[in-house]
Structure formats: C-alpha cells, structure tokens
C-alpha cells in the first residue's frame, strides 16, 4: 500500500469510528490525511469503495495475526484458547480497527463481494471446526453459528475489560475463555 493511500485509510478509520459514515465527508478524510481530495478519489472512486477497502484492510490485518496459529502438538482447546487470546489482544491493541469492524460488520455498505473475499479467511477455522466435531470435541452446529458465537464471546470479553480495565489479567481471561469453551465443547 502506498504512503498516501495508507494515510487516507488511517484517517478514514479514525473518522468513521468517531463520527460514523454519514457524519464524515471525503473532504474531512482528505484534510485529516493531509492529502488533496482529488488524491483520495485517485485511490478510492467513491466513499463506499473506501469503506469496503477499509473493511477488508481491518479484517485482513486482524486475520493476518491469527494465521498459522494452530500447532499439531497442542490440544484443540489449547489451540482455540491461543486463537481466542490473539483476537482479544488484537482488539485491545487496535481499538479503532476493532470498533470499525463492529460498526460495519453488518452494514449495508459492505458489499457481498467484500464479504465473499473475507470468507476465505475462515477456511482454516472451518477445517479445525470439522476436525473438532469429527473427534467428538466440539458440538456439531452450523459453522456460521459457531463463528458468530466465537465472535460474540470476543466482543463481550472486550467490552468487559474496556469497562473494567483493572480486571485485565490471566485469571479473568481464563474464566472468560472457559465460558466460551463450555458452550462449544462436548
């Protein structure tokens, strides 16, 4: 990604989270990024294209930290806990990206093409899920429900630690994960 494009994405990320899609003009994004409005439109033809590109960028940056996490010498529970923890820490270390994903996860501005591009990111999780079901370690429910349940637990845990930052620690993280694990394991 080029430097100006990166600046536009970072400015848009902050402004969309703080002001929303409708409350943020392309001129304000360009001004915050330190580029001309024409430069913004050179990289993104429309505001909707910028939103979709930003959504892909935030989700891909989150998933890139999760790749190659599963280790064959560890149990399914240990691997899932490691993955779950990475999501928690990513979300806490990247609050704007996390909030943007939350805000636009079900947005009508996110195109079906963008959603399809991201579906491949969960292929590794699907493989692990199928193995967990096959090995009688995980409950057999539609994979989409499992993903939403996983994501919902992440959101709840992040909200808890944002509300009570003094409680962030191994003991409470372990308890939060155990709530998730008890819900999905046999």
Protein backbone atom coordinates (compact mmCIF):
# COMPACT_ATOMS: atom_id res chain seq x y z
CA UNK A 1 0.00 0.00 0.00
CA UNK A 2 1.35 3.43 -0.93
CA UNK A 3 2.05 6.02 1.78
CA UNK A 4 -0.76 8.40 0.76
CA UNK A 5 -3.23 5.55 0.48
CA UNK A 6 -2.19 4.38 3.97
CA UNK A 7 -2.72 7.89 5.38
CA UNK A 8 -6.19 8.04 3.82
CA UNK A 9 -7.10 4.64 5.29
CA UNK A 10 -5.88 5.62 8.76
CA UNK A 11 -7.72 8.95 8.69
CA UNK A 12 -10.91 7.32 7.43
CA UNK A 13 -10.68 4.63 10.09
CA UNK A 14 -10.48 7.16 12.90
CA UNK A 15 -13.17 9.46 11.49
CA UNK A 16 -15.64 6.68 10.65
CA UNK A 17 -15.34 5.28 14.17
CA UNK A 18 -15.64 8.69 15.82
CA UNK A 19 -18.27 10.28 13.55
CA UNK A 20 -19.86 7.47 11.60
CA UNK A 21 -20.15 7.02 7.87
CA UNK A 22 -22.71 9.77 7.28
CA UNK A 23 -21.01 12.21 9.66
CA UNK A 24 -17.70 12.03 7.80
CA UNK A 25 -17.12 13.77 4.48
CA UNK A 26 -14.48 12.79 1.98
CA UNK A 27 -13.09 16.33 2.24
CA UNK A 28 -12.63 15.82 6.01
CA UNK A 29 -10.90 12.48 5.41
CA UNK A 30 -8.54 14.06 2.88
CA UNK A 31 -7.82 17.01 5.19
CA UNK A 32 -7.11 14.70 8.16
CA UNK A 33 -4.86 12.54 5.96
CA UNK A 34 -3.00 15.61 4.70
CA UNK A 35 -3.83 14.97 1.05
CA UNK A 36 -5.94 16.70 -1.57
CA UNK A 37 -9.50 15.48 -2.06
CA UNK A 38 -8.56 14.56 -5.63
CA UNK A 39 -5.83 12.31 -4.27
CA UNK A 40 -8.41 10.48 -2.15
CA UNK A 41 -10.55 9.90 -5.24
CA UNK A 42 -7.48 8.72 -7.15
CA UNK A 43 -7.25 5.76 -4.74
CA UNK A 44 -10.98 5.32 -4.00
CA UNK A 45 -13.59 6.22 -6.60
CA UNK A 46 -16.38 6.58 -4.00
CA UNK A 47 -16.83 6.76 -0.27
CA UNK A 48 -18.43 3.30 -0.43
CA UNK A 49 -15.31 1.92 -2.14
CA UNK A 50 -13.20 3.45 0.63
CA UNK A 51 -15.41 1.84 3.30
CA UNK A 52 -15.18 -1.58 1.64
CA UNK A 53 -11.42 -1.27 1.21
CA UNK A 54 -11.07 -0.21 4.82
CA UNK A 55 -13.24 -3.10 5.99
CA UNK A 56 -11.09 -5.57 4.05
CA UNK A 57 -7.94 -3.93 5.39
CA UNK A 58 -9.06 -4.09 9.03
CA UNK A 59 -10.32 -7.67 8.83
CA UNK A 60 -7.24 -8.85 6.93
CA UNK A 61 -4.91 -7.18 9.44
CA UNK A 62 -6.78 -8.96 12.22
CA UNK A 63 -6.71 -12.34 10.46
CA UNK A 64 -3.04 -11.96 9.50
CA UNK A 65 -2.13 -12.13 13.18
CA UNK A 66 -4.15 -15.33 13.55
CA UNK A 67 -2.62 -17.28 10.66
CA UNK A 68 -0.51 -20.33 11.31
CA UNK A 69 -1.56 -20.38 14.92
CA UNK A 70 -2.69 -23.98 15.26
CA UNK A 71 0.03 -26.32 16.45
CA UNK A 72 -0.41 -30.06 15.93
CA UNK A 73 1.27 -30.93 19.23
CA UNK A 74 -1.33 -28.96 21.21
CA UNK A 75 -4.89 -29.93 22.06
CA UNK A 76 -7.85 -28.37 20.30
CA UNK A 77 -8.71 -26.49 23.49
CA UNK A 78 -5.17 -25.06 23.78
CA UNK A 79 -5.19 -24.03 20.13
CA UNK A 80 -8.61 -22.39 20.37
CA UNK A 81 -7.58 -20.58 23.55
CA UNK A 82 -4.47 -19.27 21.80
CA UNK A 83 -6.53 -18.07 18.85
CA UNK A 84 -9.20 -16.58 21.11
CA UNK A 85 -6.49 -14.76 23.10
CA UNK A 86 -4.96 -13.34 19.93
CA UNK A 87 -8.35 -11.91 18.95
CA UNK A 88 -8.71 -10.38 22.43
CA UNK A 89 -5.26 -8.79 22.37
CA UNK A 90 -5.61 -7.60 18.76
CA UNK A 91 -8.89 -5.91 19.65
CA UNK A 92 -7.46 -4.22 22.72
CA UNK A 93 -4.28 -3.11 20.95
CA UNK A 94 -6.17 -1.84 17.88
CA UNK A 95 -9.32 -0.20 19.27
CA UNK A 96 -10.16 1.76 16.11
CA UNK A 97 -9.87 -1.31 13.90
CA UNK A 98 -11.95 -3.35 16.34
CA UNK A 99 -14.65 -0.66 16.60
CA UNK A 100 -14.73 -0.23 12.82
CA UNK A 101 -15.21 -3.97 12.34
CA UNK A 102 -18.02 -3.94 14.89
CA UNK A 103 -19.74 -0.94 13.37
CA UNK A 104 -19.55 -2.10 9.78
CA UNK A 105 -19.77 -5.87 10.26
CA UNK A 106 -23.47 -5.85 9.30
CA UNK A 107 -23.50 -2.56 7.40
CA UNK A 108 -25.36 -2.37 4.11
CA UNK A 109 -22.33 -0.51 2.76
CA UNK A 110 -20.25 -3.66 2.91
CA UNK A 111 -20.76 -5.33 -0.45
CA UNK A 112 -21.37 -9.03 -0.95
CA UNK A 113 -18.10 -9.16 -2.93
CA UNK A 114 -16.20 -7.82 0.09
CA UNK A 115 -17.89 -10.37 2.35
CA UNK A 116 -17.01 -13.17 -0.11
CA UNK A 117 -13.37 -12.09 -0.15
CA UNK A 118 -13.27 -12.40 3.63
CA UNK A 119 -14.92 -15.82 3.77
CA UNK A 120 -11.66 -17.43 2.68
CA UNK A 121 -10.10 -16.07 5.90
CA UNK A 122 -12.19 -18.51 7.95
CA UNK A 123 -11.21 -21.60 5.91
CA UNK A 124 -8.59 -22.63 8.47
CA UNK A 125 -11.15 -22.28 11.26
CA UNK A 126 -13.60 -24.41 9.31
CA UNK A 127 -11.00 -27.17 8.96
CA UNK A 128 -10.29 -27.09 12.70
CA UNK A 129 -14.01 -26.99 13.50
CA UNK A 130 -14.68 -30.05 11.30
CA UNK A 131 -11.83 -31.92 12.98
CA UNK A 132 -13.17 -30.97 16.42
CA UNK A 133 -16.62 -32.28 15.52
CA UNK A 134 -15.18 -35.43 13.96
CA UNK A 135 -13.08 -36.09 17.08
CA UNK A 136 -16.12 -35.52 19.33
CA UNK A 137 -14.55 -32.47 21.00
CA UNK A 138 -16.92 -29.80 19.66
CA UNK A 139 -20.68 -29.60 19.40
CA UNK A 140 -21.98 -30.04 15.90
CA UNK A 141 -23.83 -26.88 14.96
CA UNK A 142 -23.78 -24.92 11.70
CA UNK A 143 -20.31 -23.45 11.29
CA UNK A 144 -21.76 -19.95 10.88
CA UNK A 145 -23.35 -20.21 14.34
CA UNK A 146 -20.03 -21.30 15.82
CA UNK A 147 -18.24 -18.32 14.24
CA UNK A 148 -20.89 -15.89 15.50
CA UNK A 149 -20.73 -17.45 18.98
CA UNK A 150 -16.92 -17.16 18.96
CA UNK A 151 -17.12 -13.55 17.79
CA UNK A 152 -19.86 -12.73 20.32
CA UNK A 153 -17.71 -14.04 23.15
CA UNK A 154 -14.77 -11.94 21.94
CA UNK A 155 -16.96 -8.82 21.87
CA UNK A 156 -18.36 -9.49 25.34
CA UNK A 157 -14.90 -10.08 26.77
CA UNK A 158 -13.50 -6.91 25.20
CA UNK A 159 -16.48 -4.89 26.46
CA UNK A 160 -15.91 -6.27 29.95
CA UNK A 161 -12.22 -5.33 30.01
CA UNK A 162 -12.91 -1.92 28.49
CA UNK A 163 -15.43 -1.31 31.27
CA UNK A 164 -13.17 -2.77 33.99
CA UNK A 165 -9.57 -2.37 32.75
CA UNK A 166 -8.20 -3.06 36.22
CA UNK A 167 -9.55 -6.62 35.93
CA UNK A 168 -7.49 -7.50 32.87
CA UNK A 169 -5.33 -10.44 33.85
CA UNK A 170 -4.76 -14.13 33.30
CA UNK A 171 -7.37 -15.28 35.83
CA UNK A 172 -10.23 -13.30 34.26
CA UNK A 173 -9.08 -14.10 30.73
CA UNK A 174 -9.05 -17.79 31.63
CA UNK A 175 -12.55 -17.55 33.08
CA UNK A 176 -13.88 -15.77 30.00
CA UNK A 177 -12.37 -18.40 27.72
CA UNK A 178 -13.79 -21.21 29.86
CA UNK A 179 -17.28 -19.74 29.39
CA UNK A 180 -16.77 -19.95 25.65
CA UNK A 181 -15.22 -23.44 25.79
CA UNK A 182 -18.05 -24.78 27.98
CA UNK A 183 -20.51 -23.55 25.37
CA UNK A 184 -18.87 -25.27 22.39
CA UNK A 185 -17.23 -28.41 23.75
CA UNK A 186 -18.78 -31.79 24.39
